């Protein structure tokens, strides 16, 4: 499912226009992005939790040259599904 299909599904489920559904989806994505950028986590009970994790610096091998390279530490976005989502996927 892509964004357009998600907006159409949201509009049908909530009985609102596609424009309103897209505005709501964009607002939700922006809010989650801002929260993660600030180091917070976003928990949607039953659906899942968005959080930020730190990855340590590490050594890796360049597959083309075989040379060892250094990969710097960084922060990454993480998602842990909630129980209702996990049960629905089974």
PDB file of N, CA and C in Angstrom:
ATOM      1  N   UNK A   1       0.853  -1.171   0.000  1.00  0.00           N
ATOM      2  CA  UNK A   1       0.000   0.000   0.000  1.00  0.00           C
ATOM      3  C   UNK A   1       0.897   1.232   0.000  1.00  0.00           C
ATOM      4  N   UNK A   2       0.614   2.157  -0.887  1.00  0.00           N
ATOM      5  CA  UNK A   2       1.374   3.402  -0.907  1.00  0.00           C
ATOM      6  C   UNK A   2       0.572   4.517  -0.220  1.00  0.00           C
ATOM      7  N   UNK A   3       1.127   5.714  -0.192  1.00  0.00           N
ATOM      8  CA  UNK A   3       0.496   6.820   0.533  1.00  0.00           C
ATOM      9  C   UNK A   3      -0.879   7.155  -0.038  1.00  0.00           C
ATOM     10  N   UNK A   4      -1.004   7.153  -1.365  1.00  0.00           N
ATOM     11  CA  UNK A   4      -2.283   7.481  -1.993  1.00  0.00           C
ATOM     12  C   UNK A   4      -3.358   6.483  -1.575  1.00  0.00           C
ATOM     13  N   UNK A   5      -3.014   5.196  -1.584  1.00  0.00           N
ATOM     14  CA  UNK A   5      -3.972   4.163  -1.189  1.00  0.00           C
ATOM     15  C   UNK A   5      -4.315   4.269   0.288  1.00  0.00           C
ATOM     16  N   UNK A   6      -3.343   4.613   1.108  1.00  0.00           N
ATOM     17  CA  UNK A   6      -3.590   4.792   2.539  1.00  0.00           C
ATOM     18  C   UNK A   6      -4.544   5.957   2.775  1.00  0.00           C
ATOM     19  N   UNK A   7      -4.343   7.063   2.070  1.00  0.00           N
ATOM     20  CA  UNK A   7      -5.220   8.231   2.200  1.00  0.00           C
ATOM     21  C   UNK A   7      -6.646   7.847   1.798  1.00  0.00           C
ATOM     22  N   UNK A   8      -6.796   7.110   0.700  1.00  0.00           N
ATOM     23  CA  UNK A   8      -8.128   6.683   0.253  1.00  0.00           C
ATOM     24  C   UNK A   8      -8.794   5.790   1.293  1.00  0.00           C
ATOM     25  N   UNK A   9      -8.029   4.881   1.881  1.00  0.00           N
ATOM     26  CA  UNK A   9      -8.569   3.995   2.906  1.00  0.00           C
ATOM     27  C   UNK A   9      -8.992   4.773   4.148  1.00  0.00           C
ATOM     28  N   UNK A  10      -8.154   5.737   4.559  1.00  0.00           N
ATOM     29  CA  UNK A  10      -8.482   6.571   5.717  1.00  0.00           C
ATOM     30  C   UNK A  10      -9.745   7.387   5.456  1.00  0.00           C
ATOM     31  N   UNK A  11      -9.839   7.952   4.262  1.00  0.00           N
ATOM     32  CA  UNK A  11     -10.999   8.776   3.914  1.00  0.00           C
ATOM     33  C   UNK A  11     -12.277   7.948   3.962  1.00  0.00           C
ATOM     34  N   UNK A  12     -12.219   6.732   3.436  1.00  0.00           N
ATOM     35  CA  UNK A  12     -13.399   5.863   3.459  1.00  0.00           C
ATOM     36  C   UNK A  12     -13.763   5.425   4.861  1.00  0.00           C
ATOM     37  N   UNK A  13     -12.780   5.069   5.663  1.00  0.00           N
ATOM     38  CA  UNK A  13     -13.039   4.592   7.029  1.00  0.00           C
ATOM     39  C   UNK A  13     -13.590   5.688   7.924  1.00  0.00           C
ATOM     40  N   UNK A  14     -13.108   6.926   7.732  1.00  0.00           N
ATOM     41  CA  UNK A  14     -13.533   8.034   8.597  1.00  0.00           C
ATOM     42  C   UNK A  14     -14.662   8.850   7.977  1.00  0.00           C
ATOM     43  N   UNK A  15     -15.072   8.486   6.751  1.00  0.00           N
ATOM     44  CA  UNK A  15     -16.120   9.216   6.029  1.00  0.00           C
ATOM     45  C   UNK A  15     -15.780  10.705   5.918  1.00  0.00           C
ATOM     46  N   UNK A  16     -14.545  10.983   5.474  1.00  0.00           N
ATOM     47  CA  UNK A  16     -14.091  12.353   5.248  1.00  0.00           C
ATOM     48  C   UNK A  16     -13.513  12.441   3.834  1.00  0.00           C
ATOM     49  N   UNK A  17     -13.233  13.649   3.398  1.00  0.00           N
ATOM     50  CA  UNK A  17     -12.669  13.825   2.061  1.00  0.00           C
ATOM     51  C   UNK A  17     -11.233  13.319   2.018  1.00  0.00           C
ATOM     52  N   UNK A  18     -10.764  13.027   0.804  1.00  0.00           N
ATOM     53  CA  UNK A  18      -9.378  12.586   0.639  1.00  0.00           C
ATOM     54  C   UNK A  18      -8.415  13.696   1.055  1.00  0.00           C
ATOM     55  N   UNK A  19      -8.783  14.938   0.790  1.00  0.00           N
ATOM     56  CA  UNK A  19      -7.920  16.064   1.165  1.00  0.00           C
ATOM     57  C   UNK A  19      -7.770  16.142   2.684  1.00  0.00           C
ATOM     58  N   UNK A  20      -8.873  15.961   3.397  1.00  0.00           N
ATOM     59  CA  UNK A  20      -8.819  15.993   4.867  1.00  0.00           C
ATOM     60  C   UNK A  20      -8.018  14.809   5.405  1.00  0.00           C
ATOM     61  N   UNK A  21      -8.177  13.646   4.791  1.00  0.00           N
ATOM     62  CA  UNK A  21      -7.434  12.463   5.224  1.00  0.00           C
ATOM     63  C   UNK A  21      -5.945  12.653   4.979  1.00  0.00           C
ATOM     64  N   UNK A  22      -5.571  13.229   3.837  1.00  0.00           N
ATOM     65  CA  UNK A  22      -4.155  13.466   3.549  1.00  0.00           C
ATOM     66  C   UNK A  22      -3.566  14.482   4.518  1.00  0.00           C
ATOM     67  N   UNK A  23      -4.350  15.512   4.845  1.00  0.00           N
ATOM     68  CA  UNK A  23      -3.890  16.522   5.803  1.00  0.00           C
ATOM     69  C   UNK A  23      -3.667  15.884   7.177  1.00  0.00           C
ATOM     70  N   UNK A  24      -4.571  15.001   7.587  1.00  0.00           N
ATOM     71  CA  UNK A  24      -4.440  14.321   8.883  1.00  0.00           C
ATOM     72  C   UNK A  24      -3.220  13.393   8.885  1.00  0.00           C
ATOM     73  N   UNK A  25      -3.033  12.652   7.803  1.00  0.00           N
ATOM     74  CA  UNK A  25      -1.878  11.746   7.711  1.00  0.00           C
ATOM     75  C   UNK A  25      -0.575  12.531   7.742  1.00  0.00           C
ATOM     76  N   UNK A  26      -0.497  13.610   6.988  1.00  0.00           N
ATOM     77  CA  UNK A  26       0.715  14.439   6.975  1.00  0.00           C
ATOM     78  C   UNK A  26       0.990  15.023   8.359  1.00  0.00           C
ATOM     79  N   UNK A  27      -0.065  15.447   9.055  1.00  0.00           N
ATOM     80  CA  UNK A  27       0.091  15.977  10.411  1.00  0.00           C
ATOM     81  C   UNK A  27       0.616  14.926  11.374  1.00  0.00           C
ATOM     82  N   UNK A  28       0.112  13.705  11.254  1.00  0.00           N
ATOM     83  CA  UNK A  28       0.570  12.620  12.119  1.00  0.00           C
ATOM     84  C   UNK A  28       2.036  12.300  11.841  1.00  0.00           C
ATOM     85  N   UNK A  29       2.399  12.205  10.572  1.00  0.00           N
ATOM     86  CA  UNK A  29       3.789  11.912  10.211  1.00  0.00           C
ATOM     87  C   UNK A  29       4.734  13.011  10.686  1.00  0.00           C
ATOM     88  N   UNK A  30       4.303  14.250  10.570  1.00  0.00           N
ATOM     89  CA  UNK A  30       5.116  15.381  11.019  1.00  0.00           C
ATOM     90  C   UNK A  30       5.298  15.342  12.545  1.00  0.00           C
ATOM     91  N   UNK A  31       4.220  15.036  13.261  1.00  0.00           N
ATOM     92  CA  UNK A  31       4.290  14.978  14.721  1.00  0.00           C
ATOM     93  C   UNK A  31       5.230  13.858  15.184  1.00  0.00           C
ATOM     94  N   UNK A  32       5.152  12.688  14.547  1.00  0.00           N
ATOM     95  CA  UNK A  32       6.036  11.573  14.907  1.00  0.00           C
ATOM     96  C   UNK A  32       7.487  11.940  14.586  1.00  0.00           C
ATOM     97  N   UNK A  33       7.710  12.543  13.428  1.00  0.00           N
ATOM     98  CA  UNK A  33       9.060  12.946  13.026  1.00  0.00           C
ATOM     99  C   UNK A  33       9.653  13.940  14.014  1.00  0.00           C
ATOM    100  N   UNK A  34       8.884  14.943  14.403  1.00  0.00           N
ATOM    101  CA  UNK A  34       9.366  15.952  15.357  1.00  0.00           C
ATOM    102  C   UNK A  34       9.668  15.329  16.714  1.00  0.00           C
ATOM    103  N   UNK A  35       8.801  14.427  17.170  1.00  0.00           N
ATOM    104  CA  UNK A  35       9.022  13.780  18.470  1.00  0.00           C
ATOM    105  C   UNK A  35      10.315  12.969  18.450  1.00  0.00           C
ATOM    106  N   UNK A  36      10.536  12.200  17.386  1.00  0.00           N
ATOM    107  CA  UNK A  36      11.754  11.403  17.292  1.00  0.00           C
ATOM    108  C   UNK A  36      12.984  12.285  17.175  1.00  0.00           C
ATOM    109  N   UNK A  37      12.872  13.386  16.432  1.00  0.00           N
ATOM    110  CA  UNK A  37      14.001  14.315  16.294  1.00  0.00           C
ATOM    111  C   UNK A  37      14.380  14.912  17.643  1.00  0.00           C
ATOM    112  N   UNK A  38      13.398  15.057  18.550  1.00  0.00           N
ATOM    113  CA  UNK A  38      13.652  15.592  19.889  1.00  0.00           C
ATOM    114  C   UNK A  38      14.065  14.505  20.877  1.00  0.00           C
ATOM    115  N   UNK A  39      14.175  13.261  20.404  1.00  0.00           N
ATOM    116  CA  UNK A  39      14.591  12.172  21.279  1.00  0.00           C
ATOM    117  C   UNK A  39      13.463  11.531  22.057  1.00  0.00           C
ATOM    118  N   UNK A  40      12.223  11.925  21.787  1.00  0.00           N
ATOM    119  CA  UNK A  40      11.070  11.339  22.479  1.00  0.00           C
ATOM    120  C   UNK A  40      10.645  10.054  21.786  1.00  0.00           C
ATOM    121  N   UNK A  41       9.741   9.325  22.421  1.00  0.00           N
ATOM    122  CA  UNK A  41       9.159   8.172  21.756  1.00  0.00           C
ATOM    123  C   UNK A  41       7.662   8.376  21.635  1.00  0.00           C
ATOM    124  N   UNK A  42       7.062   7.749  20.648  1.00  0.00           N
ATOM    125  CA  UNK A  42       5.630   7.875  20.385  1.00  0.00           C
ATOM    126  C   UNK A  42       5.013   6.492  20.541  1.00  0.00           C
ATOM    127  N   UNK A  43       4.077   6.363  21.480  1.00  0.00           N
ATOM    128  CA  UNK A  43       3.431   5.087  21.732  1.00  0.00           C
ATOM    129  C   UNK A  43       1.964   5.170  21.338  1.00  0.00           C
ATOM    130  N   UNK A  44       1.553   4.287  20.451  1.00  0.00           N
ATOM    131  CA  UNK A  44       0.154   4.151  20.057  1.00  0.00           C
ATOM    132  C   UNK A  44      -0.286   2.786  20.583  1.00  0.00           C
ATOM    133  N   UNK A  45      -0.993   2.777  21.699  1.00  0.00           N
ATOM    134  CA  UNK A  45      -1.343   1.553  22.401  1.00  0.00           C
ATOM    135  C   UNK A  45      -2.043   0.580  21.447  1.00  0.00           C
ATOM    136  N   UNK A  46      -1.552  -0.636  21.408  1.00  0.00           N
ATOM    137  CA  UNK A  46      -2.104  -1.669  20.546  1.00  0.00           C
ATOM    138  C   UNK A  46      -1.489  -1.680  19.161  1.00  0.00           C
ATOM    139  N   UNK A  47      -1.002  -0.526  18.685  1.00  0.00           N
ATOM    140  CA  UNK A  47      -0.408  -0.439  17.349  1.00  0.00           C
ATOM    141  C   UNK A  47       1.096  -0.613  17.409  1.00  0.00           C
ATOM    142  N   UNK A  48       1.763   0.215  18.227  1.00  0.00           N
ATOM    143  CA  UNK A  48       3.207   0.085  18.343  1.00  0.00           C
ATOM    144  C   UNK A  48       3.866   1.327  18.893  1.00  0.00           C
ATOM    145  N   UNK A  49       5.196   1.274  18.980  1.00  0.00           N
ATOM    146  CA  UNK A  49       5.984   2.366  19.538  1.00  0.00           C
ATOM    147  C   UNK A  49       7.104   2.745  18.580  1.00  0.00           C
ATOM    148  N   UNK A  50       7.172   4.040  18.276  1.00  0.00           N
ATOM    149  CA  UNK A  50       8.270   4.598  17.495  1.00  0.00           C
ATOM    150  C   UNK A  50       9.277   5.159  18.485  1.00  0.00           C
ATOM    151  N   UNK A  51      10.563   4.861  18.297  1.00  0.00           N
ATOM    152  CA  UNK A  51      11.585   5.367  19.199  1.00  0.00           C
ATOM    153  C   UNK A  51      12.884   5.592  18.438  1.00  0.00           C
ATOM    154  N   UNK A  52      13.866   6.148  19.145  1.00  0.00           N
ATOM    155  CA  UNK A  52      15.181   6.394  18.565  1.00  0.00           C
ATOM    156  C   UNK A  52      16.185   5.487  19.266  1.00  0.00           C
ATOM    157  N   UNK A  53      17.020   4.829  18.484  1.00  0.00           N
ATOM    158  CA  UNK A  53      18.068   3.954  19.035  1.00  0.00           C
ATOM    159  C   UNK A  53      19.423   4.475  18.570  1.00  0.00           C
ATOM    160  N   UNK A  54      20.445   4.243  19.386  1.00  0.00           N
ATOM    161  CA  UNK A  54      21.807   4.644  19.017  1.00  0.00           C
ATOM    162  C   UNK A  54      22.546   3.434  18.480  1.00  0.00           C
ATOM    163  N   UNK A  55      23.180   3.607  17.346  1.00  0.00           N
ATOM    164  CA  UNK A  55      24.039   2.556  16.792  1.00  0.00           C
ATOM    165  C   UNK A  55      25.480   2.937  17.057  1.00  0.00           C
ATOM    166  N   UNK A  56      26.236   2.021  17.578  1.00  0.00           N
ATOM    167  CA  UNK A  56      27.645   2.269  17.873  1.00  0.00           C
ATOM    168  C   UNK A  56      28.464   2.309  16.584  1.00  0.00           C
ATOM    169  N   UNK A  57      29.614   2.965  16.674  1.00  0.00           N
ATOM    170  CA  UNK A  57      30.548   2.946  15.547  1.00  0.00           C
ATOM    171  C   UNK A  57      31.061   1.514  15.405  1.00  0.00           C
ATOM    172  N   UNK A  58      31.347   1.120  14.172  1.00  0.00           N
ATOM    173  CA  UNK A  58      31.822  -0.240  13.957  1.00  0.00           C
ATOM    174  C   UNK A  58      32.691  -0.328  12.706  1.00  0.00           C
ATOM    175  N   UNK A  59      33.388  -1.440  12.590  1.00  0.00           N
ATOM    176  CA  UNK A  59      34.217  -1.728  11.420  1.00  0.00           C
ATOM    177  C   UNK A  59      33.411  -2.624  10.482  1.00  0.00           C
ATOM    178  N   UNK A  60      33.567  -2.409   9.183  1.00  0.00           N
ATOM    179  CA  UNK A  60      32.901  -3.250   8.190  1.00  0.00           C
ATOM    180  C   UNK A  60      33.803  -3.399   6.983  1.00  0.00           C
ATOM    181  N   UNK A  61      33.501  -4.378   6.177  1.00  0.00           N
ATOM    182  CA  UNK A  61      34.318  -4.633   4.985  1.00  0.00           C
ATOM    183  C   UNK A  61      33.605  -4.087   3.751  1.00  0.00           C
ATOM    184  N   UNK A  62      34.319  -3.294   2.965  1.00  0.00           N
ATOM    185  CA  UNK A  62      33.797  -2.807   1.697  1.00  0.00           C
ATOM    186  C   UNK A  62      33.690  -4.008   0.762  1.00  0.00           C
ATOM    187  N   UNK A  63      32.476  -4.355   0.285  1.00  0.00           N
ATOM    188  CA  UNK A  63      32.340  -5.558  -0.532  1.00  0.00           C
ATOM    189  C   UNK A  63      33.057  -5.471  -1.886  1.00  0.00           C
ATOM    190  N   UNK A  64      33.268  -4.282  -2.405  1.00  0.00           N
ATOM    191  CA  UNK A  64      33.949  -4.141  -3.692  1.00  0.00           C
ATOM    192  C   UNK A  64      35.456  -4.341  -3.590  1.00  0.00           C
ATOM    193  N   UNK A  65      36.037  -3.736  -2.557  1.00  0.00           N
ATOM    194  CA  UNK A  65      37.500  -3.747  -2.458  1.00  0.00           C
ATOM    195  C   UNK A  65      38.019  -4.700  -1.392  1.00  0.00           C
ATOM    196  N   UNK A  66      37.157  -5.107  -0.476  1.00  0.00           N
ATOM    197  CA  UNK A  66      37.599  -5.949   0.623  1.00  0.00           C
ATOM    198  C   UNK A  66      38.289  -5.159   1.726  1.00  0.00           C
ATOM    199  N   UNK A  67      38.415  -3.856   1.539  1.00  0.00           N
ATOM    200  CA  UNK A  67      39.081  -2.979   2.507  1.00  0.00           C
ATOM    201  C   UNK A  67      38.184  -2.752   3.722  1.00  0.00           C
ATOM    202  N   UNK A  68      38.773  -2.703   4.905  1.00  0.00           N
ATOM    203  CA  UNK A  68      38.023  -2.420   6.132  1.00  0.00           C
ATOM    204  C   UNK A  68      37.761  -0.926   6.210  1.00  0.00           C
ATOM    205  N   UNK A  69      36.507  -0.562   6.530  1.00  0.00           N
ATOM    206  CA  UNK A  69      36.128   0.845   6.653  1.00  0.00           C
ATOM    207  C   UNK A  69      35.492   1.067   8.007  1.00  0.00           C
ATOM    208  N   UNK A  70      35.496   2.308   8.455  1.00  0.00           N
ATOM    209  CA  UNK A  70      34.895   2.683   9.730  1.00  0.00           C
ATOM    210  C   UNK A  70      33.507   3.248   9.457  1.00  0.00           C
ATOM    211  N   UNK A  71      32.506   2.709  10.127  1.00  0.00           N
ATOM    212  CA  UNK A  71      31.151   3.238  10.030  1.00  0.00           C
ATOM    213  C   UNK A  71      30.902   4.014  11.317  1.00  0.00           C
ATOM    214  N   UNK A  72      30.605   5.314  11.211  1.00  0.00           N
ATOM    215  CA  UNK A  72      30.441   6.132  12.415  1.00  0.00           C
ATOM    216  C   UNK A  72      29.155   5.801  13.180  1.00  0.00           C
ATOM    217  N   UNK A  73      29.124   6.174  14.441  1.00  0.00           N
ATOM    218  CA  UNK A  73      27.932   6.008  15.269  1.00  0.00           C
ATOM    219  C   UNK A  73      26.838   6.919  14.736  1.00  0.00           C
ATOM    220  N   UNK A  74      25.587   6.483  14.907  1.00  0.00           N
ATOM    221  CA  UNK A  74      24.465   7.322  14.478  1.00  0.00           C
ATOM    222  C   UNK A  74      23.203   6.914  15.214  1.00  0.00           C
ATOM    223  N   UNK A  75      22.191   7.748  15.103  1.00  0.00           N
ATOM    224  CA  UNK A  75      20.881   7.459  15.673  1.00  0.00           C
ATOM    225  C   UNK A  75      19.977   6.979  14.548  1.00  0.00           C
ATOM    226  N   UNK A  76      19.124   5.998  14.849  1.00  0.00           N
ATOM    227  CA  UNK A  76      18.199   5.465  13.858  1.00  0.00           C
ATOM    228  C   UNK A  76      16.792   5.387  14.440  1.00  0.00           C
ATOM    229  N   UNK A  77      15.796   5.519  13.577  1.00  0.00           N
ATOM    230  CA  UNK A  77      14.405   5.371  13.996  1.00  0.00           C
ATOM    231  C   UNK A  77      14.098   3.881  14.119  1.00  0.00           C
ATOM    232  N   UNK A  78      13.290   3.548  15.109  1.00  0.00           N
ATOM    233  CA  UNK A  78      12.966   2.160  15.406  1.00  0.00           C
ATOM    234  C   UNK A  78      11.461   2.048  15.612  1.00  0.00           C
ATOM    235  N   UNK A  79      10.878   0.918  15.227  1.00  0.00           N
ATOM    236  CA  UNK A  79       9.449   0.677  15.456  1.00  0.00           C
ATOM    237  C   UNK A  79       9.271  -0.697  16.065  1.00  0.00           C
ATOM    238  N   UNK A  80       8.524  -0.760  17.168  1.00  0.00           N
ATOM    239  CA  UNK A  80       8.203  -2.040  17.804  1.00  0.00           C
ATOM    240  C   UNK A  80       6.691  -2.216  17.743  1.00  0.00           C
ATOM    241  N   UNK A  81       6.210  -3.228  17.023  1.00  0.00           N
ATOM    242  CA  UNK A  81       4.771  -3.408  16.907  1.00  0.00           C
ATOM    243  C   UNK A  81       4.110  -3.739  18.241  1.00  0.00           C
ATOM    244  N   UNK A  82       2.883  -3.257  18.390  1.00  0.00           N
ATOM    245  CA  UNK A  82       2.095  -3.553  19.583  1.00  0.00           C
ATOM    246  C   UNK A  82       1.393  -4.890  19.450  1.00  0.00           C
ATOM    247  N   UNK A  83       0.738  -5.321  20.503  1.00  0.00           N
ATOM    248  CA  UNK A  83       0.126  -6.652  20.528  1.00  0.00           C
ATOM    249  C   UNK A  83      -1.001  -6.810  19.505  1.00  0.00           C
ATOM    250  N   UNK A  84      -1.849  -5.804  19.363  1.00  0.00           N
ATOM    251  CA  UNK A  84      -2.965  -5.917  18.417  1.00  0.00           C
ATOM    252  C   UNK A  84      -2.461  -6.014  16.984  1.00  0.00           C
ATOM    253  N   UNK A  85      -1.444  -5.223  16.650  1.00  0.00           N
ATOM    254  CA  UNK A  85      -0.860  -5.268  15.307  1.00  0.00           C
ATOM    255  C   UNK A  85      -0.196  -6.616  15.074  1.00  0.00           C
ATOM    256  N   UNK A  86       0.570  -7.085  16.054  1.00  0.00           N
ATOM    257  CA  UNK A  86       1.250  -8.378  15.917  1.00  0.00           C
ATOM    258  C   UNK A  86       0.250  -9.512  15.735  1.00  0.00           C
ATOM    259  N   UNK A  87      -0.864  -9.472  16.477  1.00  0.00           N
ATOM    260  CA  UNK A  87      -1.886 -10.517  16.362  1.00  0.00           C
ATOM    261  C   UNK A  87      -2.577 -10.461  15.000  1.00  0.00           C
ATOM    262  N   UNK A  88      -2.794  -9.257  14.483  1.00  0.00           N
ATOM    263  CA  UNK A  88      -3.470  -9.106  13.194  1.00  0.00           C
ATOM    264  C   UNK A  88      -2.620  -9.624  12.044  1.00  0.00           C
ATOM    265  N   UNK A  89      -1.312  -9.551  12.186  1.00  0.00           N
ATOM    266  CA  UNK A  89      -0.395  -9.989  11.132  1.00  0.00           C
ATOM    267  C   UNK A  89      -0.232 -11.501  11.118  1.00  0.00           C
ATOM    268  N   UNK A  90      -0.426 -12.149  12.255  1.00  0.00           N
ATOM    269  CA  UNK A  90      -0.233 -13.619  12.347  1.00  0.00           C
ATOM    270  C   UNK A  90      -1.071 -14.355  11.359  1.00  0.00           C
TER     271      UNK A  90
END
